[in-house]
């Protein structure tokens, strides 16, 4: 019976993480299958924040659905960039929902030199001048906390904007300024 206690605690922790971090699955947003998959077996040390630039914001009044934005990004990444799948691990829409890209356990294609040790989180839209909604920012913070709680991310992870990994304006000046105030910013 004593050996069952840690298992029960782990199951309760995972159940709690799932309830606080609901994620729209690939099946729910209509993802195509990846052309190949490279798994990650280690705990991730970095969080890389991105913006999509295009497509623009989704999920609000008069905007496209976030599922269509995810499909658009996946199509661009596969057909134009020649990648196996959407590059990001997760994306956050204007509806405040978290959308599964490659997930926690698959190497991304979002930040060369960091892909095998990071989770790439894209906030859908152009965040050069405007700040994403509070719902979007909170969803990112919750996803990071869930990643730490579930053991996907190291407790001492380093948070970076995409521009810190290569020459780019991503994640946009306004979003970069915002994440520079967050814990773990490298």
N, C-alpha and C. Protein backbone atom coordinates (compact mmCIF):
# COMPACT_ATOMS: atom_id res chain seq x y z
N UNK A 1 0.80 -1.21 0.00
CA UNK A 1 0.00 0.00 0.00
C UNK A 1 0.84 1.27 0.00
N UNK A 2 1.97 1.25 0.69
CA UNK A 2 2.82 2.44 0.77
C UNK A 2 3.33 2.83 -0.62
N UNK A 3 3.67 1.86 -1.45
CA UNK A 3 4.17 2.15 -2.80
C UNK A 3 3.10 2.79 -3.67
N UNK A 4 1.84 2.57 -3.38
CA UNK A 4 0.76 3.15 -4.17
C UNK A 4 0.59 4.64 -3.90
N UNK A 5 1.02 5.12 -2.74
CA UNK A 5 0.84 6.53 -2.38
C UNK A 5 1.54 7.47 -3.37
N UNK A 6 2.83 7.25 -3.72
CA UNK A 6 3.46 8.15 -4.70
C UNK A 6 2.77 8.11 -6.06
N UNK A 7 2.31 6.94 -6.47
CA UNK A 7 1.61 6.83 -7.75
C UNK A 7 0.33 7.63 -7.72
N UNK A 8 -0.43 7.51 -6.63
CA UNK A 8 -1.67 8.26 -6.49
C UNK A 8 -1.39 9.76 -6.50
N UNK A 9 -0.34 10.18 -5.78
CA UNK A 9 0.02 11.59 -5.74
C UNK A 9 0.39 12.09 -7.14
N UNK A 10 1.16 11.30 -7.89
CA UNK A 10 1.52 11.68 -9.26
C UNK A 10 0.29 11.80 -10.15
N UNK A 11 -0.64 10.87 -10.02
CA UNK A 11 -1.87 10.92 -10.81
C UNK A 11 -2.70 12.14 -10.46
N UNK A 12 -2.79 12.47 -9.17
CA UNK A 12 -3.55 13.64 -8.75
C UNK A 12 -2.88 14.92 -9.25
N UNK A 13 -1.55 14.97 -9.21
CA UNK A 13 -0.82 16.13 -9.71
C UNK A 13 -1.07 16.32 -11.20
N UNK A 14 -1.00 15.23 -11.97
CA UNK A 14 -1.25 15.32 -13.41
C UNK A 14 -2.69 15.72 -13.69
N UNK A 15 -3.63 15.19 -12.93
CA UNK A 15 -5.04 15.55 -13.12
C UNK A 15 -5.25 17.02 -12.81
N UNK A 16 -4.60 17.53 -11.76
CA UNK A 16 -4.71 18.94 -11.41
C UNK A 16 -4.10 19.81 -12.50
N UNK A 17 -2.94 19.42 -13.03
CA UNK A 17 -2.30 20.18 -14.11
C UNK A 17 -3.19 20.22 -15.34
N UNK A 18 -3.84 19.11 -15.66
CA UNK A 18 -4.72 19.06 -16.83
C UNK A 18 -5.93 19.96 -16.63
N UNK A 19 -6.45 20.03 -15.41
CA UNK A 19 -7.64 20.84 -15.18
C UNK A 19 -7.30 22.33 -15.17
N UNK A 20 -6.09 22.72 -14.76
CA UNK A 20 -5.72 24.13 -14.75
C UNK A 20 -5.12 24.57 -16.08
N UNK A 21 -4.71 23.63 -16.90
CA UNK A 21 -4.13 23.94 -18.21
C UNK A 21 -4.85 23.19 -19.31
N UNK A 22 -6.09 23.52 -19.54
CA UNK A 22 -6.77 22.84 -20.65
C UNK A 22 -6.11 23.23 -21.97
N UNK A 23 -5.84 22.24 -22.77
CA UNK A 23 -5.16 22.46 -24.05
C UNK A 23 -6.04 21.94 -25.18
N UNK A 24 -6.25 22.77 -26.19
CA UNK A 24 -6.97 22.35 -27.39
C UNK A 24 -6.02 21.42 -28.15
N UNK A 25 -6.41 20.17 -28.28
CA UNK A 25 -5.53 19.17 -28.89
C UNK A 25 -5.42 19.37 -30.40
N UNK A 26 -4.42 18.73 -30.97
CA UNK A 26 -4.23 18.76 -32.42
C UNK A 26 -5.47 18.24 -33.14
N UNK A 27 -6.06 17.18 -32.61
CA UNK A 27 -7.27 16.63 -33.23
C UNK A 27 -8.41 17.64 -33.18
N UNK A 28 -8.52 18.38 -32.08
CA UNK A 28 -9.61 19.35 -31.93
C UNK A 28 -9.47 20.53 -32.89
N UNK A 29 -8.25 20.97 -33.18
CA UNK A 29 -8.12 22.08 -34.14
C UNK A 29 -7.92 21.61 -35.57
N UNK A 30 -7.81 20.31 -35.78
CA UNK A 30 -7.76 19.76 -37.14
C UNK A 30 -6.37 19.71 -37.76
N UNK A 31 -5.36 19.44 -36.95
CA UNK A 31 -3.98 19.38 -37.45
C UNK A 31 -3.80 18.24 -38.44
N UNK A 32 -2.91 18.47 -39.40
CA UNK A 32 -2.46 17.39 -40.28
C UNK A 32 -1.39 16.61 -39.52
N UNK A 33 -1.15 15.39 -39.96
CA UNK A 33 -0.09 14.59 -39.34
C UNK A 33 1.27 15.17 -39.70
N UNK A 34 2.23 15.10 -38.77
CA UNK A 34 3.58 15.53 -39.11
C UNK A 34 4.22 14.55 -40.08
N UNK A 35 5.18 15.03 -40.85
CA UNK A 35 5.87 14.13 -41.79
C UNK A 35 6.95 13.32 -41.08
N UNK A 36 7.41 13.81 -39.94
CA UNK A 36 8.35 13.07 -39.09
C UNK A 36 8.28 13.64 -37.68
N UNK A 37 8.77 12.86 -36.71
CA UNK A 37 8.73 13.27 -35.31
C UNK A 37 10.05 12.90 -34.66
N UNK A 38 10.63 13.85 -33.93
CA UNK A 38 11.83 13.58 -33.13
C UNK A 38 11.46 13.87 -31.68
N UNK A 39 11.50 12.84 -30.84
CA UNK A 39 11.07 12.97 -29.45
C UNK A 39 12.15 13.58 -28.57
N UNK A 40 11.69 14.25 -27.51
CA UNK A 40 12.57 14.80 -26.48
C UNK A 40 12.43 13.91 -25.25
N UNK A 41 13.55 13.50 -24.69
CA UNK A 41 13.49 12.64 -23.50
C UNK A 41 13.90 13.37 -22.23
N UNK A 42 14.44 14.58 -22.36
CA UNK A 42 14.91 15.30 -21.18
C UNK A 42 13.93 16.39 -20.77
N UNK A 43 14.13 16.90 -19.56
CA UNK A 43 13.33 18.02 -19.07
C UNK A 43 13.83 19.29 -19.76
N UNK A 44 12.92 20.11 -20.22
CA UNK A 44 13.27 21.30 -21.00
C UNK A 44 13.82 22.41 -20.11
N UNK A 45 14.83 23.13 -20.60
CA UNK A 45 15.49 24.16 -19.81
C UNK A 45 15.11 25.59 -20.20
N UNK A 46 14.45 25.74 -21.34
CA UNK A 46 14.15 27.08 -21.85
C UNK A 46 12.69 27.20 -22.33
N UNK A 47 12.18 28.41 -22.21
CA UNK A 47 10.89 28.79 -22.80
C UNK A 47 11.20 29.90 -23.79
N UNK A 48 10.78 29.72 -25.03
CA UNK A 48 11.01 30.73 -26.07
C UNK A 48 9.65 31.30 -26.48
N UNK A 49 9.50 32.62 -26.37
CA UNK A 49 8.24 33.29 -26.69
C UNK A 49 8.31 33.88 -28.10
N UNK A 50 7.24 33.63 -28.86
CA UNK A 50 7.14 34.08 -30.25
C UNK A 50 5.82 34.84 -30.47
N UNK A 51 5.74 35.55 -31.58
CA UNK A 51 4.45 35.99 -32.11
C UNK A 51 4.38 35.48 -33.55
N UNK A 52 3.16 35.34 -34.05
CA UNK A 52 3.01 34.77 -35.40
C UNK A 52 3.19 35.82 -36.49
N UNK A 53 3.01 37.08 -36.15
CA UNK A 53 2.98 38.18 -37.12
C UNK A 53 1.82 37.95 -38.08
N UNK A 54 1.90 36.87 -38.83
CA UNK A 54 0.80 36.46 -39.70
C UNK A 54 0.63 34.95 -39.53
N UNK A 55 -0.54 34.45 -39.25
CA UNK A 55 -1.81 35.16 -39.23
C UNK A 55 -1.89 36.13 -38.05
N UNK A 56 -2.80 37.09 -38.23
CA UNK A 56 -3.04 38.06 -37.18
C UNK A 56 -3.86 37.46 -36.06
N UNK A 57 -4.32 38.31 -35.15
CA UNK A 57 -5.09 37.84 -34.00
C UNK A 57 -6.30 36.99 -34.42
N UNK A 58 -6.63 36.05 -33.57
CA UNK A 58 -7.76 35.15 -33.86
C UNK A 58 -8.67 35.05 -32.65
N UNK A 59 -9.87 34.58 -32.90
CA UNK A 59 -10.79 34.25 -31.82
C UNK A 59 -11.66 35.38 -31.31
N UNK A 60 -11.44 36.59 -31.79
CA UNK A 60 -12.26 37.72 -31.36
C UNK A 60 -13.35 38.03 -32.37
N UNK A 61 -14.17 39.01 -32.05
CA UNK A 61 -15.25 39.41 -32.95
C UNK A 61 -14.66 39.87 -34.28
N UNK A 62 -15.18 39.32 -35.37
CA UNK A 62 -14.73 39.69 -36.70
C UNK A 62 -13.37 39.12 -37.09
N UNK A 63 -12.82 38.25 -36.26
CA UNK A 63 -11.52 37.64 -36.56
C UNK A 63 -11.72 36.17 -36.92
N UNK A 64 -10.75 35.59 -37.64
CA UNK A 64 -10.86 34.16 -37.95
C UNK A 64 -10.78 33.33 -36.67
N UNK A 65 -11.23 32.09 -36.75
CA UNK A 65 -11.12 31.20 -35.60
C UNK A 65 -9.65 30.88 -35.37
N UNK A 66 -9.33 30.52 -34.14
CA UNK A 66 -7.94 30.16 -33.83
C UNK A 66 -7.59 28.81 -34.45
N UNK A 67 -8.57 27.94 -34.63
CA UNK A 67 -8.30 26.67 -35.32
C UNK A 67 -7.84 26.95 -36.75
N UNK A 68 -8.47 27.91 -37.42
CA UNK A 68 -8.05 28.23 -38.79
C UNK A 68 -6.67 28.89 -38.79
N UNK A 69 -6.36 29.68 -37.77
CA UNK A 69 -5.02 30.27 -37.66
C UNK A 69 -3.97 29.19 -37.47
N UNK A 70 -4.28 28.19 -36.64
CA UNK A 70 -3.34 27.08 -36.42
C UNK A 70 -3.11 26.31 -37.72
N UNK A 71 -4.19 26.05 -38.46
CA UNK A 71 -4.06 25.34 -39.73
C UNK A 71 -3.22 26.15 -40.72
N UNK A 72 -3.42 27.46 -40.74
CA UNK A 72 -2.67 28.34 -41.63
C UNK A 72 -1.18 28.30 -41.29
N UNK A 73 -0.85 28.37 -40.00
CA UNK A 73 0.56 28.32 -39.60
C UNK A 73 1.17 26.96 -39.93
N UNK A 74 0.43 25.89 -39.65
CA UNK A 74 0.95 24.55 -39.95
C UNK A 74 1.20 24.41 -41.46
N UNK A 75 0.26 24.86 -42.25
CA UNK A 75 0.40 24.77 -43.71
C UNK A 75 1.63 25.55 -44.18
N UNK A 76 1.81 26.76 -43.68
CA UNK A 76 2.96 27.58 -44.06
C UNK A 76 4.27 26.91 -43.64
N UNK A 77 4.31 26.42 -42.42
CA UNK A 77 5.54 25.80 -41.92
C UNK A 77 5.89 24.53 -42.70
N UNK A 78 4.87 23.75 -43.07
CA UNK A 78 5.14 22.51 -43.80
C UNK A 78 5.43 22.77 -45.28
N UNK A 79 4.59 23.57 -45.92
CA UNK A 79 4.72 23.74 -47.37
C UNK A 79 5.77 24.76 -47.78
N UNK A 80 5.82 25.90 -47.09
CA UNK A 80 6.77 26.95 -47.46
C UNK A 80 8.14 26.73 -46.83
N UNK A 81 8.15 26.42 -45.53
CA UNK A 81 9.43 26.23 -44.83
C UNK A 81 9.99 24.82 -45.00
N UNK A 82 9.15 23.88 -45.39
CA UNK A 82 9.60 22.50 -45.56
C UNK A 82 9.81 21.76 -44.25
N UNK A 83 9.16 22.22 -43.19
CA UNK A 83 9.30 21.58 -41.88
C UNK A 83 8.36 20.39 -41.77
N UNK A 84 8.61 19.54 -40.81
CA UNK A 84 7.79 18.34 -40.61
C UNK A 84 6.41 18.66 -40.07
N UNK A 85 6.26 19.80 -39.42
CA UNK A 85 5.01 20.13 -38.73
C UNK A 85 5.01 21.62 -38.42
N UNK A 86 3.99 22.09 -37.74
CA UNK A 86 3.99 23.45 -37.20
C UNK A 86 5.24 23.56 -36.32
N UNK A 87 5.90 24.68 -36.35
CA UNK A 87 7.17 24.80 -35.64
C UNK A 87 7.06 24.90 -34.13
N UNK A 88 5.96 25.47 -33.65
CA UNK A 88 5.81 25.77 -32.22
C UNK A 88 5.34 24.56 -31.42
N UNK A 89 5.68 24.57 -30.15
CA UNK A 89 5.19 23.54 -29.23
C UNK A 89 3.72 23.81 -28.89
N UNK A 90 3.41 25.09 -28.66
CA UNK A 90 2.06 25.51 -28.32
C UNK A 90 1.83 26.90 -28.91
N UNK A 91 0.56 27.26 -29.06
CA UNK A 91 0.19 28.62 -29.45
C UNK A 91 -0.96 29.06 -28.56
N UNK A 92 -1.08 30.36 -28.38
CA UNK A 92 -2.16 30.91 -27.58
C UNK A 92 -2.94 31.87 -28.46
N UNK A 93 -4.26 31.67 -28.51
CA UNK A 93 -5.12 32.49 -29.34
C UNK A 93 -5.75 33.64 -28.58
N UNK A 94 -6.35 34.55 -29.33
CA UNK A 94 -7.05 35.68 -28.75
C UNK A 94 -8.23 35.26 -27.90
N UNK A 95 -8.66 34.02 -28.04
CA UNK A 95 -9.73 33.48 -27.20
C UNK A 95 -9.21 33.04 -25.84
N UNK A 96 -7.90 33.20 -25.62
CA UNK A 96 -7.29 32.82 -24.35
C UNK A 96 -7.03 31.33 -24.19
N UNK A 97 -7.25 30.58 -25.27
CA UNK A 97 -7.04 29.13 -25.21
C UNK A 97 -5.63 28.77 -25.68
N UNK A 98 -5.13 27.66 -25.13
CA UNK A 98 -3.83 27.12 -25.50
C UNK A 98 -4.06 26.04 -26.55
N UNK A 99 -3.34 26.13 -27.65
CA UNK A 99 -3.46 25.17 -28.76
C UNK A 99 -2.19 24.35 -28.84
N UNK A 100 -2.35 23.03 -28.90
CA UNK A 100 -1.21 22.13 -29.01
C UNK A 100 -0.60 22.22 -30.40
N UNK A 101 0.70 22.45 -30.44
CA UNK A 101 1.46 22.37 -31.68
C UNK A 101 2.17 21.02 -31.67
N UNK A 102 3.46 21.06 -31.41
CA UNK A 102 4.21 19.80 -31.28
C UNK A 102 4.14 19.24 -29.86
N UNK A 103 3.72 20.04 -28.91
CA UNK A 103 3.59 19.57 -27.54
C UNK A 103 4.91 19.59 -26.78
N UNK A 104 4.89 19.00 -25.59
CA UNK A 104 6.05 19.02 -24.69
C UNK A 104 7.16 18.07 -25.11
N UNK A 105 6.84 16.98 -25.74
CA UNK A 105 7.80 15.88 -25.92
C UNK A 105 8.31 15.69 -27.34
N UNK A 106 8.12 16.70 -28.20
CA UNK A 106 8.60 16.62 -29.59
C UNK A 106 9.46 17.85 -29.87
N UNK A 107 10.62 17.64 -30.48
CA UNK A 107 11.53 18.74 -30.83
C UNK A 107 10.81 19.69 -31.78
N UNK A 108 10.87 20.98 -31.47
CA UNK A 108 10.22 21.99 -32.29
C UNK A 108 11.11 22.46 -33.44
N UNK A 109 10.60 23.45 -34.18
CA UNK A 109 11.35 24.10 -35.26
C UNK A 109 11.07 25.59 -35.14
N UNK A 110 11.46 26.17 -34.01
CA UNK A 110 11.11 27.56 -33.74
C UNK A 110 12.29 28.43 -33.34
N UNK A 111 13.39 27.83 -32.89
CA UNK A 111 14.55 28.61 -32.44
C UNK A 111 15.81 27.77 -32.60
N UNK A 112 16.49 27.90 -33.74
CA UNK A 112 17.70 27.09 -33.98
C UNK A 112 18.67 27.18 -32.80
N UNK A 113 19.21 26.03 -32.43
CA UNK A 113 20.11 25.94 -31.30
C UNK A 113 19.40 25.71 -29.97
N UNK A 114 18.09 25.90 -29.96
CA UNK A 114 17.30 25.74 -28.74
C UNK A 114 16.17 24.73 -28.90
N UNK A 115 15.90 24.29 -30.10
CA UNK A 115 14.72 23.45 -30.36
C UNK A 115 14.65 22.19 -29.51
N UNK A 116 15.78 21.56 -29.25
CA UNK A 116 15.76 20.29 -28.51
C UNK A 116 15.74 20.48 -27.00
N UNK A 117 15.85 21.74 -26.54
CA UNK A 117 15.86 21.98 -25.10
C UNK A 117 14.84 23.02 -24.65
N UNK A 118 13.91 23.36 -25.54
CA UNK A 118 12.96 24.42 -25.21
C UNK A 118 11.54 24.08 -25.63
N UNK A 119 10.62 24.81 -25.00
CA UNK A 119 9.23 24.81 -25.44
C UNK A 119 9.04 26.15 -26.16
N UNK A 120 8.49 26.12 -27.36
CA UNK A 120 8.24 27.33 -28.13
C UNK A 120 6.76 27.69 -28.03
N UNK A 121 6.47 28.86 -27.48
CA UNK A 121 5.08 29.30 -27.29
C UNK A 121 4.84 30.53 -28.16
N UNK A 122 3.90 30.41 -29.08
CA UNK A 122 3.56 31.49 -29.99
C UNK A 122 2.26 32.16 -29.56
N UNK A 123 2.28 33.46 -29.42
CA UNK A 123 1.05 34.22 -29.19
C UNK A 123 0.59 34.69 -30.56
N UNK A 124 -0.56 34.18 -31.00
CA UNK A 124 -1.02 34.41 -32.37
C UNK A 124 -1.37 35.88 -32.57
N UNK A 125 -0.69 36.51 -33.53
CA UNK A 125 -0.90 37.92 -33.84
C UNK A 125 0.43 38.64 -33.94
N UNK A 126 0.35 39.94 -34.25
CA UNK A 126 1.53 40.81 -34.34
C UNK A 126 1.57 41.65 -33.08
N UNK A 127 2.59 41.44 -32.26
CA UNK A 127 2.68 42.13 -30.97
C UNK A 127 3.85 43.12 -30.95
N UNK A 128 4.04 43.80 -32.09
CA UNK A 128 5.09 44.81 -32.19
C UNK A 128 4.69 46.08 -31.45
N UNK A 129 3.44 46.49 -31.62
CA UNK A 129 2.98 47.75 -31.03
C UNK A 129 1.92 47.56 -29.96
N UNK A 130 1.10 46.54 -30.11
CA UNK A 130 0.03 46.28 -29.15
C UNK A 130 0.43 45.13 -28.24
N UNK A 131 -0.13 45.12 -27.06
CA UNK A 131 0.10 44.04 -26.10
C UNK A 131 -1.01 43.01 -26.24
N UNK A 132 -0.67 41.72 -26.20
CA UNK A 132 -1.73 40.70 -26.22
C UNK A 132 -2.67 40.91 -25.03
N UNK A 133 -3.85 40.34 -25.12
CA UNK A 133 -4.83 40.48 -24.04
C UNK A 133 -4.33 39.84 -22.75
N UNK A 134 -4.90 40.27 -21.65
CA UNK A 134 -4.58 39.68 -20.35
C UNK A 134 -4.86 38.19 -20.37
N UNK A 135 -5.94 37.77 -21.04
CA UNK A 135 -6.27 36.34 -21.12
C UNK A 135 -5.16 35.57 -21.82
N UNK A 136 -4.59 36.13 -22.88
CA UNK A 136 -3.50 35.47 -23.59
C UNK A 136 -2.25 35.38 -22.72
N UNK A 137 -1.90 36.49 -22.08
CA UNK A 137 -0.70 36.51 -21.23
C UNK A 137 -0.85 35.54 -20.06
N UNK A 138 -2.04 35.51 -19.46
CA UNK A 138 -2.27 34.59 -18.35
C UNK A 138 -2.22 33.13 -18.80
N UNK A 139 -2.70 32.86 -20.01
CA UNK A 139 -2.65 31.49 -20.54
C UNK A 139 -1.20 31.04 -20.70
N UNK A 140 -0.33 31.93 -21.17
CA UNK A 140 1.09 31.60 -21.31
C UNK A 140 1.69 31.31 -19.94
N UNK A 141 1.42 32.18 -18.98
CA UNK A 141 1.96 31.98 -17.62
C UNK A 141 1.46 30.67 -17.02
N UNK A 142 0.18 30.37 -17.23
CA UNK A 142 -0.38 29.12 -16.71
C UNK A 142 0.24 27.91 -17.39
N UNK A 143 0.46 27.99 -18.69
CA UNK A 143 1.09 26.88 -19.42
C UNK A 143 2.50 26.62 -18.89
N UNK A 144 3.25 27.68 -18.67
CA UNK A 144 4.61 27.53 -18.13
C UNK A 144 4.55 26.88 -16.75
N UNK A 145 3.65 27.37 -15.89
CA UNK A 145 3.51 26.80 -14.55
C UNK A 145 3.12 25.33 -14.62
N UNK A 146 2.23 24.99 -15.52
CA UNK A 146 1.83 23.59 -15.69
C UNK A 146 2.99 22.74 -16.18
N UNK A 147 3.81 23.30 -17.06
CA UNK A 147 4.98 22.57 -17.55
C UNK A 147 5.96 22.26 -16.44
N UNK A 148 6.15 23.21 -15.54
CA UNK A 148 7.03 22.99 -14.39
C UNK A 148 6.41 21.94 -13.47
N UNK A 149 5.12 22.12 -13.16
CA UNK A 149 4.42 21.21 -12.24
C UNK A 149 4.40 19.78 -12.76
N UNK A 150 4.24 19.60 -14.05
CA UNK A 150 4.17 18.26 -14.63
C UNK A 150 5.56 17.66 -14.90
N UNK A 151 6.62 18.45 -14.68
CA UNK A 151 7.97 17.94 -14.88
C UNK A 151 8.49 18.05 -16.30
N UNK A 152 7.78 18.78 -17.16
CA UNK A 152 8.25 18.99 -18.53
C UNK A 152 9.33 20.07 -18.60
N UNK A 153 9.21 21.06 -17.71
CA UNK A 153 10.14 22.20 -17.66
C UNK A 153 10.90 22.18 -16.35
N UNK A 154 12.17 22.53 -16.41
CA UNK A 154 12.96 22.65 -15.18
C UNK A 154 12.42 23.80 -14.35
N UNK A 155 12.52 23.67 -13.03
CA UNK A 155 12.04 24.74 -12.14
C UNK A 155 12.84 26.03 -12.34
N UNK A 156 14.09 25.90 -12.76
CA UNK A 156 14.94 27.08 -12.99
C UNK A 156 15.08 27.39 -14.49
N UNK A 157 14.00 27.15 -15.25
CA UNK A 157 14.01 27.40 -16.69
C UNK A 157 14.41 28.85 -16.99
N UNK A 158 14.86 29.08 -18.21
CA UNK A 158 15.22 30.43 -18.67
C UNK A 158 14.20 30.84 -19.73
N UNK A 159 13.62 32.03 -19.55
CA UNK A 159 12.63 32.58 -20.48
C UNK A 159 13.33 33.53 -21.44
N UNK A 160 13.14 33.29 -22.74
CA UNK A 160 13.75 34.13 -23.77
C UNK A 160 12.70 34.57 -24.80
N UNK A 161 12.91 35.74 -25.36
CA UNK A 161 12.17 36.12 -26.54
C UNK A 161 12.91 35.55 -27.74
N UNK A 162 12.19 35.22 -28.80
CA UNK A 162 12.80 34.63 -29.99
C UNK A 162 14.00 35.45 -30.47
N UNK A 163 13.92 36.77 -30.38
CA UNK A 163 15.01 37.65 -30.84
C UNK A 163 16.32 37.42 -30.10
N UNK A 164 16.25 36.76 -28.96
CA UNK A 164 17.48 36.47 -28.22
C UNK A 164 18.17 35.21 -28.74
N UNK A 165 17.52 34.49 -29.65
CA UNK A 165 18.10 33.26 -30.19
C UNK A 165 18.53 33.41 -31.65
N UNK A 166 18.05 34.45 -32.33
CA UNK A 166 18.43 34.72 -33.72
C UNK A 166 18.04 36.15 -34.07
N UNK A 167 18.52 36.64 -35.19
CA UNK A 167 18.23 38.00 -35.62
C UNK A 167 16.81 38.07 -36.17
N UNK A 168 15.90 38.62 -35.38
CA UNK A 168 14.50 38.75 -35.76
C UNK A 168 13.84 39.79 -34.86
N UNK A 169 12.72 40.32 -35.28
CA UNK A 169 11.96 41.24 -34.42
C UNK A 169 11.02 40.48 -33.49
N UNK A 170 10.84 39.20 -33.73
CA UNK A 170 9.95 38.36 -32.94
C UNK A 170 10.43 38.31 -31.48
N UNK A 171 9.56 38.45 -30.53
CA UNK A 171 8.10 38.36 -30.52
C UNK A 171 7.39 39.71 -30.63
N UNK A 172 8.02 40.69 -31.22
CA UNK A 172 7.44 42.02 -31.31
C UNK A 172 7.91 42.86 -30.12
N UNK A 173 8.14 44.15 -30.37
CA UNK A 173 8.67 45.03 -29.32
C UNK A 173 7.80 45.09 -28.08
N UNK A 174 6.50 45.21 -28.27
CA UNK A 174 5.61 45.37 -27.10
C UNK A 174 5.57 44.10 -26.26
N UNK A 175 5.46 42.94 -26.91
CA UNK A 175 5.43 41.68 -26.17
C UNK A 175 6.79 41.42 -25.52
N UNK A 176 7.87 41.73 -26.22
CA UNK A 176 9.20 41.52 -25.64
C UNK A 176 9.38 42.36 -24.37
N UNK A 177 8.93 43.60 -24.43
CA UNK A 177 9.02 44.48 -23.25
C UNK A 177 8.23 43.87 -22.09
N UNK A 178 7.07 43.32 -22.38
CA UNK A 178 6.24 42.70 -21.34
C UNK A 178 6.92 41.48 -20.72
N UNK A 179 7.41 40.56 -21.55
CA UNK A 179 8.00 39.34 -20.98
C UNK A 179 9.31 39.62 -20.27
N UNK A 180 9.92 40.78 -20.55
CA UNK A 180 11.16 41.16 -19.86
C UNK A 180 10.92 41.40 -18.37
N UNK A 181 9.66 41.55 -17.98
CA UNK A 181 9.32 41.76 -16.57
C UNK A 181 8.94 40.45 -15.87
N UNK A 182 8.88 39.35 -16.62
CA UNK A 182 8.45 38.07 -16.05
C UNK A 182 9.60 37.37 -15.33
N UNK A 183 9.25 36.48 -14.40
CA UNK A 183 10.29 35.68 -13.73
C UNK A 183 11.06 34.82 -14.73
N UNK A 184 12.30 34.55 -14.40
CA UNK A 184 13.19 33.66 -15.17
C UNK A 184 13.68 34.28 -16.48
N UNK A 185 13.42 35.56 -16.72
CA UNK A 185 13.83 36.19 -17.99
C UNK A 185 15.34 36.19 -18.10
N UNK A 186 15.83 35.63 -19.21
CA UNK A 186 17.27 35.55 -19.47
C UNK A 186 17.75 36.72 -20.28
